[in-house]
Amino acid sequence: MSIQKDDLSDVFVTGGGNLEQIVYHTQYDDPDTGPHGFAVAVVRPYGEGHRRRIAMRWCDQPGRKLGFPQSSARAAWFEVPLWLESAILKAVAEQLAKEISEEG
């Protein structure tokens, strides 16, 4: 079982919160992104006034049905440090632009 872009219901966000949207997802051993599949998502921490955050996880690794990390047999997402968020979003945007231009 791997995390799919349309399956946001049965996941765990470290620190508590809801997974709102997966913005980028690769498979294990993707030639563009390296030997480890990963995903980047937008999460909304619990509590009034908390802003959306960027979270990540490694996905689709052989021998690990849920990827890493996991908690209680659910895919777990970890919030990245605030100072890394803009760099990660920039890299995701560049990768998506590259993929779109290669498809055309």
C-alpha atoms as a PDB file:
ATOM      1  CA  MET A   1       0.000   0.000   0.000  1.00  0.00           C
ATOM      2  CA  SER A   2       1.347   3.401  -0.899  1.00  0.00           C
ATOM      3  CA  ILE A   3       0.006   6.847  -0.210  1.00  0.00           C
ATOM      4  CA  GLN A   4      -1.961   8.128  -3.166  1.00  0.00           C
ATOM      5  CA  LYS A   5      -2.673  11.768  -3.909  1.00  0.00           C
ATOM      6  CA  ASP A   6      -6.391  11.235  -3.422  1.00  0.00           C
ATOM      7  CA  ASP A   7      -6.117   9.338  -0.092  1.00  0.00           C
ATOM      8  CA  LEU A   8      -5.742  11.939   2.643  1.00  0.00           C
ATOM      9  CA  SER A   9      -7.986  10.422   5.291  1.00  0.00           C
ATOM     10  CA  ASP A  10      -5.980   7.818   7.210  1.00  0.00           C
ATOM     11  CA  VAL A  11      -2.740   9.647   7.956  1.00  0.00           C
ATOM     12  CA  PHE A  12      -0.953  11.006  11.026  1.00  0.00           C
ATOM     13  CA  VAL A  13       0.582  14.489  11.196  1.00  0.00           C
ATOM     14  CA  THR A  14       3.282  14.816  13.849  1.00  0.00           C
ATOM     15  CA  GLY A  15       2.293  17.426  16.375  1.00  0.00           C
ATOM     16  CA  GLY A  16      -1.355  17.001  15.384  1.00  0.00           C
ATOM     17  CA  GLY A  17      -3.197  18.396  12.429  1.00  0.00           C
ATOM     18  CA  ASN A  18      -4.871  17.600   9.140  1.00  0.00           C
ATOM     19  CA  LEU A  19      -3.306  16.803   5.802  1.00  0.00           C
ATOM     20  CA  GLU A  20      -4.880  19.217   3.314  1.00  0.00           C
ATOM     21  CA  GLN A  21      -3.146  18.507   0.021  1.00  0.00           C
ATOM     22  CA  ILE A  22      -0.249  16.507  -1.374  1.00  0.00           C
ATOM     23  CA  VAL A  23       1.601  18.912  -3.656  1.00  0.00           C
ATOM     24  CA  TYR A  24       4.323  16.564  -4.928  1.00  0.00           C
ATOM     25  CA  HIS A  25       4.777  12.788  -4.885  1.00  0.00           C
ATOM     26  CA  THR A  26       7.434  10.554  -6.445  1.00  0.00           C
ATOM     27  CA  GLN A  27       7.779   6.811  -6.549  1.00  0.00           C
ATOM     28  CA  TYR A  28      10.665   4.793  -5.157  1.00  0.00           C
ATOM     29  CA  ASP A  29      13.753   4.907  -7.387  1.00  0.00           C
ATOM     30  CA  ASP A  30      12.531   7.796  -9.537  1.00  0.00           C
ATOM     31  CA  PRO A  31      15.367   8.757 -11.938  1.00  0.00           C
ATOM     32  CA  ASP A  32      14.872  12.500 -11.345  1.00  0.00           C
ATOM     33  CA  THR A  33      14.587  12.494  -7.579  1.00  0.00           C
ATOM     34  CA  GLY A  34      16.851   9.688  -6.464  1.00  0.00           C
ATOM     35  CA  PRO A  35      16.523   6.291  -4.848  1.00  0.00           C
ATOM     36  CA  HIS A  36      13.900   7.243  -2.247  1.00  0.00           C
ATOM     37  CA  GLY A  37      10.321   8.130  -3.114  1.00  0.00           C
ATOM     38  CA  PHE A  38       9.002  11.087  -1.169  1.00  0.00           C
ATOM     39  CA  ALA A  39       6.026  13.375  -0.896  1.00  0.00           C
ATOM     40  CA  VAL A  40       5.495  17.007   0.061  1.00  0.00           C
ATOM     41  CA  ALA A  41       2.166  18.189   1.457  1.00  0.00           C
ATOM     42  CA  VAL A  42       0.347  21.111   2.998  1.00  0.00           C
ATOM     43  CA  VAL A  43      -0.894  20.450   6.540  1.00  0.00           C
ATOM     44  CA  ARG A  44      -3.056  22.484   8.888  1.00  0.00           C
ATOM     45  CA  PRO A  45      -1.946  22.111  12.542  1.00  0.00           C
ATOM     46  CA  TYR A  46      -4.720  21.792  15.121  1.00  0.00           C
ATOM     47  CA  GLY A  47      -5.671  24.927  16.990  1.00  0.00           C
ATOM     48  CA  GLU A  48      -7.149  28.236  16.022  1.00  0.00           C
ATOM     49  CA  GLY A  49      -4.816  30.656  14.339  1.00  0.00           C
ATOM     50  CA  HIS A  50      -2.195  28.121  13.240  1.00  0.00           C
ATOM     51  CA  ARG A  51      -1.025  28.717   9.694  1.00  0.00           C
ATOM     52  CA  ARG A  52      -0.613  25.998   7.111  1.00  0.00           C
ATOM     53  CA  ARG A  53       2.746  24.244   7.157  1.00  0.00           C
ATOM     54  CA  ILE A  54       4.765  22.104   4.774  1.00  0.00           C
ATOM     55  CA  ALA A  55       5.200  18.446   5.690  1.00  0.00           C
ATOM     56  CA  MET A  56       7.136  15.572   4.094  1.00  0.00           C
ATOM     57  CA  ARG A  57       7.574  11.821   4.212  1.00  0.00           C
ATOM     58  CA  TRP A  58       9.371   9.056   2.325  1.00  0.00           C
ATOM     59  CA  CYS A  59       7.092   6.773   0.330  1.00  0.00           C
ATOM     60  CA  ASP A  60       6.944   3.475  -1.494  1.00  0.00           C
ATOM     61  CA  GLN A  61      10.123   1.860  -0.208  1.00  0.00           C
ATOM     62  CA  PRO A  62      10.515  -1.889  -0.735  1.00  0.00           C
ATOM     63  CA  GLY A  63       9.697  -3.765   2.452  1.00  0.00           C
ATOM     64  CA  ARG A  64       7.830  -0.790   3.914  1.00  0.00           C
ATOM     65  CA  LYS A  65       4.250  -0.774   2.736  1.00  0.00           C
ATOM     66  CA  LEU A  66       3.561   2.652   4.178  1.00  0.00           C
ATOM     67  CA  GLY A  67       6.905   4.272   3.581  1.00  0.00           C
ATOM     68  CA  PHE A  68       8.512   6.160   6.437  1.00  0.00           C
ATOM     69  CA  PRO A  69       7.702   7.435   8.968  1.00  0.00           C
ATOM     70  CA  GLN A  70       4.608   5.615  10.147  1.00  0.00           C
ATOM     71  CA  SER A  71       2.599   5.602  13.350  1.00  0.00           C
ATOM     72  CA  SER A  72       0.076   2.960  14.434  1.00  0.00           C
ATOM     73  CA  ALA A  73       0.025   1.471  10.914  1.00  0.00           C
ATOM     74  CA  ARG A  74      -0.732   4.871   9.360  1.00  0.00           C
ATOM     75  CA  ALA A  75       1.428   7.020   7.136  1.00  0.00           C
ATOM     76  CA  ALA A  76       2.980   9.796   9.217  1.00  0.00           C
ATOM     77  CA  TRP A  77       3.969  13.231   7.957  1.00  0.00           C
ATOM     78  CA  PHE A  78       6.543  15.442   9.666  1.00  0.00           C
ATOM     79  CA  GLU A  79       6.459  19.232   9.528  1.00  0.00           C
ATOM     80  CA  VAL A  80       9.629  20.655   8.041  1.00  0.00           C
ATOM     81  CA  PRO A  81      11.359  23.525   9.857  1.00  0.00           C
ATOM     82  CA  LEU A  82       9.969  26.934   8.904  1.00  0.00           C
ATOM     83  CA  TRP A  83      13.309  28.074   7.498  1.00  0.00           C
ATOM     84  CA  LEU A  84      13.242  25.202   4.949  1.00  0.00           C
ATOM     85  CA  GLU A  85       9.690  25.699   3.693  1.00  0.00           C
ATOM     86  CA  SER A  86      10.448  28.253   0.966  1.00  0.00           C
ATOM     87  CA  ALA A  87      13.415  26.259  -0.362  1.00  0.00           C
ATOM     88  CA  ILE A  88      11.311  23.082  -0.560  1.00  0.00           C
ATOM     89  CA  LEU A  89       8.403  24.848  -2.282  1.00  0.00           C
ATOM     90  CA  LYS A  90      10.774  26.477  -4.769  1.00  0.00           C
ATOM     91  CA  ALA A  91      12.376  23.115  -5.583  1.00  0.00           C
ATOM     92  CA  VAL A  92       8.945  21.468  -6.001  1.00  0.00           C
ATOM     93  CA  ALA A  93       7.812  24.262  -8.348  1.00  0.00           C
ATOM     94  CA  GLU A  94      10.991  23.891 -10.435  1.00  0.00           C
ATOM     95  CA  GLN A  95      10.592  20.116 -10.628  1.00  0.00           C
ATOM     96  CA  LEU A  96       6.926  20.398 -11.650  1.00  0.00           C
ATOM     97  CA  ALA A  97       7.826  22.940 -14.343  1.00  0.00           C
ATOM     98  CA  LYS A  98      10.498  20.569 -15.653  1.00  0.00           C
ATOM     99  CA  GLU A  99       8.066  17.646 -15.741  1.00  0.00           C
ATOM    100  CA  ILE A 100       5.413  19.715 -17.521  1.00  0.00           C
ATOM    101  CA  SER A 101       7.871  20.946 -20.162  1.00  0.00           C
ATOM    102  CA  GLU A 102       9.061  17.375 -20.807  1.00  0.00           C
ATOM    103  CA  GLU A 103       5.474  16.168 -21.308  1.00  0.00           C
ATOM    104  CA  GLY A 104       4.645  18.844 -23.903  1.00  0.00           C
END
